[in-house]
């Protein structure tokens, strides 16, 4: 399998702060994440990270995040 790496910025609301979003990505879609920057408060979360995996798995993982209410920007 050829691995692809995508760099993402994630913003999410207070209701998602305690949800294990990255763990879910890893276990459900088999992607690897690496956090490069994080700023999480009681009101809001912001992460910069890279995701590594197959193209289809990455697409599914990003759609999962969006479906949960996460704002996803690819860089």
C-alpha atoms as a PDB file:
ATOM      1  CA  UNK A   1       0.000   0.000   0.000  1.00  0.00           C
ATOM      2  CA  UNK A   2       1.247   3.476  -0.829  1.00  0.00           C
ATOM      3  CA  UNK A   3       0.803   5.789   2.113  1.00  0.00           C
ATOM      4  CA  UNK A   4      -0.364   9.335   1.602  1.00  0.00           C
ATOM      5  CA  UNK A   5       0.145  12.142   4.088  1.00  0.00           C
ATOM      6  CA  UNK A   6      -2.318  15.008   4.429  1.00  0.00           C
ATOM      7  CA  UNK A   7      -1.759  18.042   6.613  1.00  0.00           C
ATOM      8  CA  UNK A   8      -4.916  19.303   8.271  1.00  0.00           C
ATOM      9  CA  UNK A   9      -6.142  22.037  10.572  1.00  0.00           C
ATOM     10  CA  UNK A  10      -9.109  21.039  12.718  1.00  0.00           C
ATOM     11  CA  UNK A  11     -11.435  23.329  14.652  1.00  0.00           C
ATOM     12  CA  UNK A  12     -14.145  21.924  16.835  1.00  0.00           C
ATOM     13  CA  UNK A  13     -16.760  23.177  19.276  1.00  0.00           C
ATOM     14  CA  UNK A  14     -17.015  22.625  23.004  1.00  0.00           C
ATOM     15  CA  UNK A  15     -19.340  19.619  22.680  1.00  0.00           C
ATOM     16  CA  UNK A  16     -16.564  17.622  20.917  1.00  0.00           C
ATOM     17  CA  UNK A  17     -13.639  18.422  23.236  1.00  0.00           C
ATOM     18  CA  UNK A  18     -14.021  15.241  25.309  1.00  0.00           C
ATOM     19  CA  UNK A  19     -14.807  12.981  22.333  1.00  0.00           C
ATOM     20  CA  UNK A  20     -11.894  10.690  21.295  1.00  0.00           C
ATOM     21  CA  UNK A  21     -11.920  11.856  17.673  1.00  0.00           C
ATOM     22  CA  UNK A  22      -8.317  10.937  16.819  1.00  0.00           C
ATOM     23  CA  UNK A  23      -8.549   7.557  18.503  1.00  0.00           C
ATOM     24  CA  UNK A  24     -11.686   6.883  16.468  1.00  0.00           C
ATOM     25  CA  UNK A  25      -9.874   7.850  13.256  1.00  0.00           C
ATOM     26  CA  UNK A  26      -7.042   5.495  14.029  1.00  0.00           C
ATOM     27  CA  UNK A  27      -9.185   2.505  14.994  1.00  0.00           C
ATOM     28  CA  UNK A  28     -12.028   2.918  12.486  1.00  0.00           C
ATOM     29  CA  UNK A  29     -10.036   3.912   9.418  1.00  0.00           C
ATOM     30  CA  UNK A  30      -6.520   2.649  10.122  1.00  0.00           C
ATOM     31  CA  UNK A  31      -4.887   6.046   9.703  1.00  0.00           C
ATOM     32  CA  UNK A  32      -1.901   7.303  11.675  1.00  0.00           C
ATOM     33  CA  UNK A  33      -2.002  10.791  13.150  1.00  0.00           C
ATOM     34  CA  UNK A  34       0.792  13.109  14.266  1.00  0.00           C
ATOM     35  CA  UNK A  35      -0.150  16.301  16.129  1.00  0.00           C
ATOM     36  CA  UNK A  36       2.128  19.241  15.398  1.00  0.00           C
ATOM     37  CA  UNK A  37       0.166  21.955  17.225  1.00  0.00           C
ATOM     38  CA  UNK A  38      -2.759  21.997  19.617  1.00  0.00           C
ATOM     39  CA  UNK A  39      -4.774  24.594  21.465  1.00  0.00           C
ATOM     40  CA  UNK A  40      -7.694  23.194  23.415  1.00  0.00           C
ATOM     41  CA  UNK A  41      -9.654  25.173  25.972  1.00  0.00           C
ATOM     42  CA  UNK A  42     -12.931  24.505  27.760  1.00  0.00           C
ATOM     43  CA  UNK A  43     -14.759  26.312  24.954  1.00  0.00           C
ATOM     44  CA  UNK A  44     -13.009  25.344  21.717  1.00  0.00           C
ATOM     45  CA  UNK A  45     -10.397  23.052  20.168  1.00  0.00           C
ATOM     46  CA  UNK A  46      -7.851  23.629  17.429  1.00  0.00           C
ATOM     47  CA  UNK A  47      -5.358  21.070  16.112  1.00  0.00           C
ATOM     48  CA  UNK A  48      -2.782  21.032  13.354  1.00  0.00           C
ATOM     49  CA  UNK A  49      -1.839  17.500  12.411  1.00  0.00           C
ATOM     50  CA  UNK A  50      -0.868  15.148   9.661  1.00  0.00           C
ATOM     51  CA  UNK A  51      -2.786  12.001   8.775  1.00  0.00           C
ATOM     52  CA  UNK A  52      -1.110   9.096   7.036  1.00  0.00           C
ATOM     53  CA  UNK A  53      -2.824   6.224   5.280  1.00  0.00           C
ATOM     54  CA  UNK A  54      -4.377   5.077   2.048  1.00  0.00           C
ATOM     55  CA  UNK A  55      -6.243   7.648  -0.020  1.00  0.00           C
ATOM     56  CA  UNK A  56      -9.638   6.022   0.544  1.00  0.00           C
ATOM     57  CA  UNK A  57      -9.046   5.701   4.298  1.00  0.00           C
ATOM     58  CA  UNK A  58      -8.001   9.364   4.519  1.00  0.00           C
ATOM     59  CA  UNK A  59     -11.073  10.488   2.587  1.00  0.00           C
ATOM     60  CA  UNK A  60     -13.320   8.442   4.888  1.00  0.00           C
ATOM     61  CA  UNK A  61     -11.560   9.760   8.006  1.00  0.00           C
ATOM     62  CA  UNK A  62     -11.984  13.379   6.881  1.00  0.00           C
ATOM     63  CA  UNK A  63     -15.653  12.821   6.070  1.00  0.00           C
ATOM     64  CA  UNK A  64     -16.116  11.272   9.530  1.00  0.00           C
ATOM     65  CA  UNK A  65     -14.625  14.384  11.159  1.00  0.00           C
ATOM     66  CA  UNK A  66     -16.868  16.673   9.121  1.00  0.00           C
ATOM     67  CA  UNK A  67     -19.933  14.571   9.958  1.00  0.00           C
ATOM     68  CA  UNK A  68     -19.156  15.015  13.675  1.00  0.00           C
ATOM     69  CA  UNK A  69     -19.086  18.810  13.306  1.00  0.00           C
ATOM     70  CA  UNK A  70     -15.344  19.407  12.945  1.00  0.00           C
ATOM     71  CA  UNK A  71     -14.192  22.149  10.559  1.00  0.00           C
ATOM     72  CA  UNK A  72     -11.426  20.625   8.428  1.00  0.00           C
ATOM     73  CA  UNK A  73      -8.966  22.636   6.342  1.00  0.00           C
ATOM     74  CA  UNK A  74      -6.306  20.908   4.250  1.00  0.00           C
ATOM     75  CA  UNK A  75      -2.966  22.594   3.713  1.00  0.00           C
END
